[in-house]
């Protein structure tokens, strides 16, 4: 089951993606929304991410996504990368014997430098000093 905190983040990501004319919701949309949460920012900083640079990389990645007129998308859905991310977060939570998936589970998967599906995070890593 998806916890309320994660449901709010997912809803915000959907709203943001639609507002910007994207064809679907991506992990980049979700992570950008999640970076408004102080716990996620702490997690990112703890994983040695420069949150300001990460935000810039995410915005840059989102600007490059395909745009469509808002009325052209009838079934607005997560893209395959976001679906895969959610599946990994669910499996991680289940491995911890958790019955709810929280923002922290998803943030942990998103910020895992070995498994991240986010191109913006990968570009961030490539450009680190």
N, C-alpha and C. Protein backbone atom coordinates (compact mmCIF):
# COMPACT_ATOMS: atom_id res chain seq x y z
N UNK A 1 0.84 -1.17 0.00
CA UNK A 1 0.00 0.00 0.00
C UNK A 1 0.90 1.25 0.00
N UNK A 2 0.46 2.24 -0.71
CA UNK A 2 1.21 3.49 -0.79
C UNK A 2 0.79 4.40 0.37
N UNK A 3 1.76 4.83 1.14
CA UNK A 3 1.50 5.70 2.29
C UNK A 3 1.09 7.09 1.81
N UNK A 4 0.44 7.83 2.69
CA UNK A 4 -0.06 9.17 2.35
C UNK A 4 1.06 10.11 1.89
N UNK A 5 2.22 10.05 2.53
CA UNK A 5 3.30 10.95 2.15
C UNK A 5 3.74 10.71 0.70
N UNK A 6 3.82 9.46 0.32
CA UNK A 6 4.22 9.13 -1.05
C UNK A 6 3.10 9.47 -2.03
N UNK A 7 1.87 9.22 -1.64
CA UNK A 7 0.74 9.54 -2.51
C UNK A 7 0.71 11.03 -2.84
N UNK A 8 0.98 11.87 -1.85
CA UNK A 8 1.02 13.32 -2.08
C UNK A 8 2.14 13.69 -3.04
N UNK A 9 3.31 13.07 -2.89
CA UNK A 9 4.42 13.34 -3.79
C UNK A 9 4.11 12.89 -5.22
N UNK A 10 3.52 11.71 -5.34
CA UNK A 10 3.15 11.22 -6.66
C UNK A 10 2.13 12.14 -7.33
N UNK A 11 1.15 12.58 -6.55
CA UNK A 11 0.14 13.51 -7.08
C UNK A 11 0.78 14.80 -7.55
N UNK A 12 1.71 15.33 -6.76
CA UNK A 12 2.40 16.56 -7.14
C UNK A 12 3.22 16.35 -8.41
N UNK A 13 3.85 15.19 -8.54
CA UNK A 13 4.64 14.89 -9.75
C UNK A 13 3.74 14.80 -10.98
N UNK A 14 2.55 14.20 -10.83
CA UNK A 14 1.60 14.12 -11.93
C UNK A 14 1.15 15.52 -12.34
N UNK A 15 0.83 16.35 -11.37
CA UNK A 15 0.38 17.72 -11.65
C UNK A 15 1.49 18.49 -12.36
N UNK A 16 2.71 18.37 -11.87
CA UNK A 16 3.84 19.06 -12.47
C UNK A 16 4.06 18.61 -13.91
N UNK A 17 4.03 17.31 -14.14
CA UNK A 17 4.25 16.77 -15.50
C UNK A 17 3.16 17.27 -16.45
N UNK A 18 1.94 17.25 -16.01
CA UNK A 18 0.84 17.71 -16.87
C UNK A 18 0.96 19.21 -17.12
N UNK A 19 1.28 19.97 -16.09
CA UNK A 19 1.41 21.42 -16.22
C UNK A 19 2.51 21.79 -17.22
N UNK A 20 3.56 20.99 -17.27
CA UNK A 20 4.67 21.27 -18.19
C UNK A 20 4.49 20.59 -19.55
N UNK A 21 3.35 19.97 -19.78
CA UNK A 21 3.06 19.40 -21.09
C UNK A 21 3.79 18.13 -21.42
N UNK A 22 4.23 17.39 -20.42
CA UNK A 22 4.94 16.13 -20.66
C UNK A 22 3.94 15.03 -21.00
N UNK A 23 4.39 14.07 -21.78
CA UNK A 23 3.52 12.98 -22.22
C UNK A 23 3.25 11.98 -21.10
N UNK A 24 4.15 11.90 -20.12
CA UNK A 24 3.98 10.97 -19.01
C UNK A 24 4.76 11.49 -17.80
N UNK A 25 4.62 10.79 -16.69
CA UNK A 25 5.33 11.16 -15.47
C UNK A 25 6.58 10.31 -15.36
N UNK A 26 7.70 10.96 -15.10
CA UNK A 26 8.98 10.27 -15.04
C UNK A 26 9.55 10.30 -13.61
N UNK A 27 10.57 9.49 -13.34
CA UNK A 27 11.23 9.57 -12.04
C UNK A 27 11.80 10.96 -11.77
N UNK A 28 12.21 11.67 -12.83
CA UNK A 28 12.73 13.02 -12.66
C UNK A 28 11.67 13.94 -12.07
N UNK A 29 10.42 13.83 -12.55
CA UNK A 29 9.33 14.63 -11.99
C UNK A 29 9.19 14.33 -10.49
N UNK A 30 9.21 13.04 -10.16
CA UNK A 30 9.00 12.65 -8.78
C UNK A 30 10.15 13.13 -7.89
N UNK A 31 11.38 12.92 -8.32
CA UNK A 31 12.51 13.33 -7.49
C UNK A 31 12.54 14.85 -7.31
N UNK A 32 12.22 15.60 -8.35
CA UNK A 32 12.20 17.05 -8.21
C UNK A 32 11.17 17.47 -7.16
N UNK A 33 10.02 16.84 -7.16
CA UNK A 33 9.00 17.13 -6.14
C UNK A 33 9.49 16.68 -4.76
N UNK A 34 10.15 15.53 -4.71
CA UNK A 34 10.61 14.99 -3.43
C UNK A 34 11.69 15.87 -2.80
N UNK A 35 12.42 16.62 -3.62
CA UNK A 35 13.47 17.48 -3.08
C UNK A 35 12.90 18.69 -2.34
N UNK A 36 11.59 18.81 -2.29
CA UNK A 36 10.94 19.82 -1.45
C UNK A 36 10.73 19.32 -0.03
N UNK A 37 11.04 18.06 0.21
CA UNK A 37 10.87 17.43 1.52
C UNK A 37 12.22 17.43 2.24
N UNK A 38 12.25 17.97 3.44
CA UNK A 38 13.53 18.10 4.15
C UNK A 38 14.18 16.75 4.44
N UNK A 39 13.39 15.71 4.67
CA UNK A 39 13.96 14.39 4.93
C UNK A 39 14.65 13.85 3.69
N UNK A 40 14.07 14.09 2.52
CA UNK A 40 14.68 13.63 1.27
C UNK A 40 15.96 14.43 1.00
N UNK A 41 15.92 15.72 1.26
CA UNK A 41 17.12 16.54 1.09
C UNK A 41 18.23 16.02 2.00
N UNK A 42 17.91 15.70 3.24
CA UNK A 42 18.91 15.15 4.17
C UNK A 42 19.47 13.84 3.65
N UNK A 43 18.59 12.99 3.12
CA UNK A 43 19.02 11.71 2.56
C UNK A 43 19.96 11.94 1.37
N UNK A 44 19.60 12.88 0.50
CA UNK A 44 20.43 13.19 -0.67
C UNK A 44 21.80 13.73 -0.25
N UNK A 45 21.79 14.64 0.71
CA UNK A 45 23.06 15.20 1.18
C UNK A 45 23.89 14.12 1.87
N UNK A 46 23.23 13.21 2.58
CA UNK A 46 23.93 12.10 3.22
C UNK A 46 24.55 11.14 2.22
N UNK A 47 23.99 11.11 1.01
CA UNK A 47 24.53 10.28 -0.06
C UNK A 47 25.51 11.08 -0.94
N UNK A 48 25.95 12.22 -0.42
CA UNK A 48 26.95 13.08 -1.06
C UNK A 48 26.47 13.76 -2.34
N UNK A 49 25.19 14.03 -2.42
CA UNK A 49 24.66 14.80 -3.54
C UNK A 49 24.65 16.27 -3.16
N UNK A 50 25.02 17.11 -4.10
CA UNK A 50 24.84 18.55 -3.97
C UNK A 50 23.42 18.81 -4.48
N UNK A 51 22.51 19.08 -3.57
CA UNK A 51 21.09 19.17 -3.91
C UNK A 51 20.82 20.27 -4.92
N UNK A 52 21.50 21.38 -4.82
CA UNK A 52 21.31 22.47 -5.78
C UNK A 52 21.69 22.03 -7.19
N UNK A 53 22.82 21.38 -7.31
CA UNK A 53 23.25 20.87 -8.63
C UNK A 53 22.32 19.78 -9.13
N UNK A 54 21.83 18.95 -8.22
CA UNK A 54 20.90 17.90 -8.62
C UNK A 54 19.60 18.49 -9.15
N UNK A 55 19.10 19.54 -8.48
CA UNK A 55 17.89 20.22 -8.97
C UNK A 55 18.10 20.75 -10.39
N UNK A 56 19.24 21.38 -10.63
CA UNK A 56 19.55 21.92 -11.96
C UNK A 56 19.57 20.79 -12.99
N UNK A 57 20.20 19.66 -12.65
CA UNK A 57 20.26 18.52 -13.57
C UNK A 57 18.86 17.98 -13.85
N UNK A 58 18.01 17.94 -12.83
CA UNK A 58 16.65 17.45 -13.02
C UNK A 58 15.84 18.39 -13.90
N UNK A 59 15.93 19.68 -13.65
CA UNK A 59 15.19 20.65 -14.47
C UNK A 59 15.67 20.56 -15.91
N UNK A 60 16.97 20.45 -16.10
CA UNK A 60 17.53 20.32 -17.45
C UNK A 60 16.99 19.07 -18.14
N UNK A 61 16.96 17.96 -17.43
CA UNK A 61 16.44 16.71 -18.01
C UNK A 61 14.96 16.84 -18.35
N UNK A 62 14.20 17.48 -17.49
CA UNK A 62 12.76 17.63 -17.74
C UNK A 62 12.49 18.54 -18.93
N UNK A 63 13.33 19.54 -19.14
CA UNK A 63 13.15 20.43 -20.28
C UNK A 63 13.36 19.71 -21.61
N UNK A 64 14.09 18.61 -21.57
CA UNK A 64 14.37 17.86 -22.80
C UNK A 64 13.33 16.79 -23.12
N UNK A 65 12.37 16.57 -22.22
CA UNK A 65 11.35 15.56 -22.46
C UNK A 65 10.37 16.01 -23.53
N UNK A 66 9.79 15.03 -24.20
CA UNK A 66 8.79 15.31 -25.24
C UNK A 66 7.60 16.06 -24.66
N UNK A 67 7.14 17.05 -25.37
CA UNK A 67 5.98 17.83 -24.95
C UNK A 67 4.79 17.49 -25.84
N UNK A 68 3.63 17.50 -25.25
CA UNK A 68 2.39 17.27 -25.99
C UNK A 68 1.34 18.24 -25.48
N UNK A 69 0.36 18.59 -26.31
CA UNK A 69 -0.73 19.43 -25.81
C UNK A 69 -1.46 18.70 -24.69
N UNK A 70 -1.86 19.42 -23.66
CA UNK A 70 -2.48 18.78 -22.49
C UNK A 70 -3.74 18.01 -22.85
N UNK A 71 -4.46 18.42 -23.89
CA UNK A 71 -5.68 17.71 -24.26
C UNK A 71 -5.39 16.50 -25.15
N UNK A 72 -4.13 16.31 -25.54
CA UNK A 72 -3.77 15.18 -26.40
C UNK A 72 -3.53 13.89 -25.61
N UNK A 73 -3.39 14.01 -24.30
CA UNK A 73 -3.10 12.83 -23.47
C UNK A 73 -4.35 12.45 -22.69
N UNK A 74 -4.96 11.34 -23.09
CA UNK A 74 -6.16 10.88 -22.39
C UNK A 74 -5.80 10.09 -21.14
N UNK A 75 -4.87 9.16 -21.30
CA UNK A 75 -4.46 8.30 -20.19
C UNK A 75 -3.07 8.72 -19.73
N UNK A 76 -3.04 9.69 -18.85
CA UNK A 76 -1.78 10.22 -18.35
C UNK A 76 -1.24 9.25 -17.32
N UNK A 77 -0.08 8.65 -17.59
CA UNK A 77 0.44 7.58 -16.75
C UNK A 77 1.92 7.77 -16.47
N UNK A 78 2.41 7.01 -15.49
CA UNK A 78 3.86 7.00 -15.26
C UNK A 78 4.56 6.32 -16.44
N UNK A 79 5.77 6.78 -16.75
CA UNK A 79 6.51 6.08 -17.80
C UNK A 79 7.10 4.78 -17.23
N UNK A 80 7.71 4.01 -18.09
CA UNK A 80 8.21 2.69 -17.66
C UNK A 80 9.30 2.81 -16.60
N UNK A 81 10.06 3.90 -16.65
CA UNK A 81 11.12 4.09 -15.65
C UNK A 81 10.53 4.34 -14.26
N UNK A 82 9.47 5.13 -14.20
CA UNK A 82 8.82 5.38 -12.91
C UNK A 82 8.14 4.11 -12.41
N UNK A 83 7.55 3.35 -13.30
CA UNK A 83 6.92 2.08 -12.90
C UNK A 83 7.97 1.12 -12.32
N UNK A 84 9.11 1.03 -13.00
CA UNK A 84 10.20 0.17 -12.51
C UNK A 84 10.73 0.64 -11.16
N UNK A 85 10.86 1.95 -11.01
CA UNK A 85 11.31 2.52 -9.75
C UNK A 85 10.36 2.14 -8.62
N UNK A 86 9.07 2.27 -8.87
CA UNK A 86 8.09 1.93 -7.84
C UNK A 86 8.15 0.44 -7.50
N UNK A 87 8.35 -0.38 -8.50
CA UNK A 87 8.47 -1.83 -8.24
C UNK A 87 9.68 -2.11 -7.35
N UNK A 88 10.81 -1.46 -7.62
CA UNK A 88 12.00 -1.67 -6.79
C UNK A 88 11.76 -1.18 -5.36
N UNK A 89 11.08 -0.05 -5.22
CA UNK A 89 10.79 0.47 -3.87
C UNK A 89 9.86 -0.48 -3.13
N UNK A 90 8.90 -1.04 -3.82
CA UNK A 90 7.98 -2.01 -3.19
C UNK A 90 8.75 -3.24 -2.72
N UNK A 91 9.63 -3.75 -3.58
CA UNK A 91 10.42 -4.93 -3.21
C UNK A 91 11.33 -4.64 -2.03
N UNK A 92 11.94 -3.45 -2.02
CA UNK A 92 12.80 -3.07 -0.90
C UNK A 92 12.00 -2.99 0.40
N UNK A 93 10.81 -2.39 0.32
CA UNK A 93 9.96 -2.28 1.52
C UNK A 93 9.52 -3.67 2.00
N UNK A 94 9.16 -4.53 1.06
CA UNK A 94 8.76 -5.89 1.44
C UNK A 94 9.92 -6.64 2.09
N UNK A 95 11.12 -6.43 1.58
CA UNK A 95 12.29 -7.09 2.17
C UNK A 95 12.51 -6.63 3.61
N UNK A 96 12.03 -5.43 3.93
CA UNK A 96 12.13 -4.89 5.29
C UNK A 96 10.87 -5.21 6.10
N UNK A 97 9.99 -6.04 5.54
CA UNK A 97 8.73 -6.44 6.18
C UNK A 97 7.84 -5.23 6.47
N UNK A 98 7.83 -4.29 5.54
CA UNK A 98 6.97 -3.11 5.64
C UNK A 98 5.72 -3.34 4.79
N UNK A 99 4.62 -2.83 5.25
CA UNK A 99 3.37 -3.00 4.52
C UNK A 99 2.98 -1.75 3.74
N UNK A 100 3.64 -0.64 4.05
CA UNK A 100 3.39 0.61 3.33
C UNK A 100 4.69 1.07 2.68
N UNK A 101 4.52 1.68 1.50
CA UNK A 101 5.66 2.24 0.80
C UNK A 101 5.65 3.74 1.09
N UNK A 102 6.73 4.25 1.64
CA UNK A 102 6.83 5.66 2.00
C UNK A 102 7.79 6.39 1.07
N UNK A 103 7.81 7.69 1.18
CA UNK A 103 8.72 8.53 0.40
C UNK A 103 10.15 8.05 0.59
N UNK A 104 10.52 7.69 1.80
CA UNK A 104 11.89 7.25 2.07
C UNK A 104 12.30 6.03 1.27
N UNK A 105 11.37 5.09 1.07
CA UNK A 105 11.70 3.91 0.27
C UNK A 105 12.03 4.31 -1.17
N UNK A 106 11.21 5.17 -1.72
CA UNK A 106 11.42 5.60 -3.10
C UNK A 106 12.67 6.47 -3.21
N UNK A 107 12.87 7.36 -2.26
CA UNK A 107 14.06 8.22 -2.29
C UNK A 107 15.33 7.38 -2.22
N UNK A 108 15.31 6.34 -1.41
CA UNK A 108 16.49 5.48 -1.29
C UNK A 108 16.83 4.84 -2.63
N UNK A 109 15.81 4.37 -3.35
CA UNK A 109 16.06 3.78 -4.67
C UNK A 109 16.52 4.85 -5.66
N UNK A 110 15.87 6.00 -5.64
CA UNK A 110 16.21 7.08 -6.57
C UNK A 110 17.65 7.55 -6.38
N UNK A 111 18.09 7.61 -5.15
CA UNK A 111 19.40 8.17 -4.85
C UNK A 111 20.50 7.12 -4.75
N UNK A 112 20.16 5.88 -5.02
CA UNK A 112 21.15 4.81 -5.03
C UNK A 112 21.97 4.93 -6.31
N UNK A 113 23.21 5.30 -6.19
CA UNK A 113 24.04 5.58 -7.36
C UNK A 113 24.29 4.33 -8.21
N UNK A 114 24.06 3.16 -7.67
CA UNK A 114 24.28 1.94 -8.43
C UNK A 114 23.05 1.52 -9.23
N UNK A 115 21.85 1.91 -8.77
CA UNK A 115 20.63 1.40 -9.40
C UNK A 115 19.71 2.48 -9.95
N UNK A 116 20.11 3.72 -9.91
CA UNK A 116 19.18 4.79 -10.26
C UNK A 116 18.73 4.72 -11.72
N UNK A 117 17.44 4.94 -11.95
CA UNK A 117 16.94 4.97 -13.32
C UNK A 117 16.96 6.38 -13.90
N UNK A 118 17.44 7.34 -13.15
CA UNK A 118 17.30 8.73 -13.55
C UNK A 118 18.54 9.21 -14.30
N UNK A 119 18.34 9.59 -15.53
CA UNK A 119 19.45 10.08 -16.34
C UNK A 119 20.07 11.33 -15.75
N UNK A 120 19.24 12.17 -15.15
CA UNK A 120 19.77 13.40 -14.56
C UNK A 120 20.75 13.09 -13.43
N UNK A 121 20.44 12.08 -12.63
CA UNK A 121 21.35 11.69 -11.56
C UNK A 121 22.63 11.11 -12.16
N UNK A 122 22.48 10.34 -13.22
CA UNK A 122 23.66 9.80 -13.88
C UNK A 122 24.54 10.91 -14.44
N UNK A 123 23.93 11.92 -15.06
CA UNK A 123 24.70 13.05 -15.58
C UNK A 123 25.34 13.82 -14.43
N UNK A 124 24.62 13.94 -13.33
CA UNK A 124 25.17 14.61 -12.15
C UNK A 124 26.45 13.89 -11.71
N UNK A 125 26.37 12.55 -11.65
CA UNK A 125 27.51 11.75 -11.21
C UNK A 125 28.69 11.93 -12.17
N UNK A 126 28.42 11.97 -13.47
CA UNK A 126 29.48 12.09 -14.46
C UNK A 126 30.20 13.44 -14.35
N UNK A 127 29.48 14.47 -13.91
CA UNK A 127 30.03 15.83 -13.84
C UNK A 127 30.56 16.20 -12.47
N UNK A 128 30.58 15.25 -11.54
CA UNK A 128 31.10 15.54 -10.21
C UNK A 128 32.59 15.84 -10.27
N UNK A 129 33.00 16.70 -9.39
CA UNK A 129 34.42 17.06 -9.32
C UNK A 129 35.10 16.16 -8.30
